Amino acid sequence: MQKEQKLKFLTEFGIYLKTRREKILKEKNLLQFSYSSNLDNSKLAKIEKGEVDIQFSTLIELAKAYKLSDKTILGFKFPTDE
């Protein structure tokens, strides 16, 4: 995956998570959400901004925190070259 594609993918994933947190879970405050989900606030902020490439274990923790199933954690359109 090229660097530009990877950056676009991470950004889209972050937007997907932030939108879910704010609109579906009704959690506007990231700090409060991080406390309730036992995830680090600064790490969540970076993930939602698309600034960090996460590990698989983090993906599982995010699925739990954002109440997403294994089939919906990547429930957004992947950016492609097309």
C-alpha atoms as a PDB file:
ATOM      1  CA  MET A   1       0.000   0.000   0.000  1.00  0.00           C
ATOM      2  CA  GLN A   2       1.400   3.372  -0.967  1.00  0.00           C
ATOM      3  CA  LYS A   3       1.935   6.030   1.682  1.00  0.00           C
ATOM      4  CA  GLU A   4      -0.843   8.272   0.308  1.00  0.00           C
ATOM      5  CA  GLN A   5      -3.308   5.372   0.199  1.00  0.00           C
ATOM      6  CA  LYS A   6      -2.393   4.350   3.731  1.00  0.00           C
ATOM      7  CA  LEU A   7      -2.895   7.890   5.015  1.00  0.00           C
ATOM      8  CA  LYS A   8      -6.276   8.131   3.286  1.00  0.00           C
ATOM      9  CA  PHE A   9      -7.320   4.773   4.731  1.00  0.00           C
ATOM     10  CA  LEU A  10      -6.308   5.766   8.280  1.00  0.00           C
ATOM     11  CA  THR A  11      -8.115   9.097   7.936  1.00  0.00           C
ATOM     12  CA  GLU A  12     -11.314   7.434   6.680  1.00  0.00           C
ATOM     13  CA  PHE A  13     -11.160   4.881   9.498  1.00  0.00           C
ATOM     14  CA  GLY A  14     -10.746   7.667  12.054  1.00  0.00           C
ATOM     15  CA  ILE A  15     -13.706   9.589  10.647  1.00  0.00           C
ATOM     16  CA  TYR A  16     -15.776   6.392  10.750  1.00  0.00           C
ATOM     17  CA  LEU A  17     -14.971   5.839  14.439  1.00  0.00           C
ATOM     18  CA  LYS A  18     -15.498   9.465  15.451  1.00  0.00           C
ATOM     19  CA  THR A  19     -18.841   9.622  13.647  1.00  0.00           C
ATOM     20  CA  ARG A  20     -19.950   6.416  15.347  1.00  0.00           C
ATOM     21  CA  ARG A  21     -18.908   7.697  18.765  1.00  0.00           C
ATOM     22  CA  GLU A  22     -20.700  11.018  18.354  1.00  0.00           C
ATOM     23  CA  LYS A  23     -23.817  10.028  16.396  1.00  0.00           C
ATOM     24  CA  ILE A  24     -24.545   6.408  17.363  1.00  0.00           C
ATOM     25  CA  LEU A  25     -23.068   6.136  20.841  1.00  0.00           C
ATOM     26  CA  LYS A  26     -23.975   9.779  21.655  1.00  0.00           C
ATOM     27  CA  GLU A  27     -20.547  10.336  23.240  1.00  0.00           C
ATOM     28  CA  LYS A  28     -19.420  13.844  22.307  1.00  0.00           C
ATOM     29  CA  ASN A  29     -16.603  14.002  24.850  1.00  0.00           C
ATOM     30  CA  LEU A  30     -13.599  11.884  23.883  1.00  0.00           C
ATOM     31  CA  LEU A  31     -12.105  12.046  27.376  1.00  0.00           C
ATOM     32  CA  GLN A  32     -15.241  10.618  28.998  1.00  0.00           C
ATOM     33  CA  PHE A  33     -15.469   7.980  26.276  1.00  0.00           C
ATOM     34  CA  SER A  34     -11.865   6.954  26.887  1.00  0.00           C
ATOM     35  CA  TYR A  35     -12.560   6.492  30.607  1.00  0.00           C
ATOM     36  CA  SER A  36     -15.648   4.372  29.985  1.00  0.00           C
ATOM     37  CA  SER A  37     -13.868   2.226  27.393  1.00  0.00           C
ATOM     38  CA  ASN A  38     -10.560   1.876  29.285  1.00  0.00           C
ATOM     39  CA  LEU A  39      -8.605   3.180  26.297  1.00  0.00           C
ATOM     40  CA  ASP A  40      -5.998   5.924  26.377  1.00  0.00           C
ATOM     41  CA  ASN A  41      -7.456   9.336  25.507  1.00  0.00           C
ATOM     42  CA  SER A  42      -4.468  10.550  23.499  1.00  0.00           C
ATOM     43  CA  LYS A  43      -4.278   7.304  21.528  1.00  0.00           C
ATOM     44  CA  LEU A  44      -7.999   7.474  20.714  1.00  0.00           C
ATOM     45  CA  ALA A  45      -7.628  11.087  19.593  1.00  0.00           C
ATOM     46  CA  LYS A  46      -4.780  10.136  17.253  1.00  0.00           C
ATOM     47  CA  ILE A  47      -6.728   7.167  15.864  1.00  0.00           C
ATOM     48  CA  GLU A  48      -9.805   9.330  15.211  1.00  0.00           C
ATOM     49  CA  LYS A  49      -7.579  11.847  13.394  1.00  0.00           C
ATOM     50  CA  GLY A  50      -5.952   9.111  11.307  1.00  0.00           C
ATOM     51  CA  GLU A  51      -2.530   9.839  12.776  1.00  0.00           C
ATOM     52  CA  VAL A  52      -1.601   6.354  13.947  1.00  0.00           C
ATOM     53  CA  ASP A  53      -1.348   2.960  12.277  1.00  0.00           C
ATOM     54  CA  ILE A  54      -2.902   0.544  14.749  1.00  0.00           C
ATOM     55  CA  GLN A  55      -2.126  -3.080  15.570  1.00  0.00           C
ATOM     56  CA  PHE A  56      -4.641  -5.896  15.276  1.00  0.00           C
ATOM     57  CA  SER A  57      -5.028  -6.109  19.062  1.00  0.00           C
ATOM     58  CA  THR A  58      -5.950  -2.417  19.118  1.00  0.00           C
ATOM     59  CA  LEU A  59      -8.552  -3.070  16.422  1.00  0.00           C
ATOM     60  CA  ILE A  60     -10.197  -5.628  18.716  1.00  0.00           C
ATOM     61  CA  GLU A  61     -10.215  -3.159  21.624  1.00  0.00           C
ATOM     62  CA  LEU A  62     -11.717  -0.492  19.370  1.00  0.00           C
ATOM     63  CA  ALA A  63     -14.457  -2.878  18.243  1.00  0.00           C
ATOM     64  CA  LYS A  64     -15.414  -3.450  21.880  1.00  0.00           C
ATOM     65  CA  ALA A  65     -15.281   0.237  22.809  1.00  0.00           C
ATOM     66  CA  TYR A  66     -17.256   1.431  19.789  1.00  0.00           C
ATOM     67  CA  LYS A  67     -19.689  -1.499  20.089  1.00  0.00           C
ATOM     68  CA  LEU A  68     -18.863  -2.858  16.653  1.00  0.00           C
ATOM     69  CA  SER A  69     -18.936  -6.495  15.637  1.00  0.00           C
ATOM     70  CA  ASP A  70     -16.060  -8.187  13.899  1.00  0.00           C
ATOM     71  CA  LYS A  71     -17.953  -7.744  10.622  1.00  0.00           C
ATOM     72  CA  THR A  72     -18.644  -4.038  11.082  1.00  0.00           C
ATOM     73  CA  ILE A  73     -15.403  -2.710  12.569  1.00  0.00           C
ATOM     74  CA  LEU A  74     -14.232  -1.981   9.031  1.00  0.00           C
ATOM     75  CA  GLY A  75     -17.716  -0.939   7.922  1.00  0.00           C
ATOM     76  CA  PHE A  76     -16.674   1.892   5.676  1.00  0.00           C
ATOM     77  CA  LYS A  77     -15.671   2.088   2.043  1.00  0.00           C
ATOM     78  CA  PHE A  78     -11.974   1.465   1.617  1.00  0.00           C
ATOM     79  CA  PRO A  79     -10.208   4.094  -0.471  1.00  0.00           C
ATOM     80  CA  THR A  80      -8.870   2.678  -3.714  1.00  0.00           C
ATOM     81  CA  ASP A  81      -6.855   3.918  -6.652  1.00  0.00           C
ATOM     82  CA  GLU A  82      -9.972   3.998  -8.810  1.00  0.00           C
END
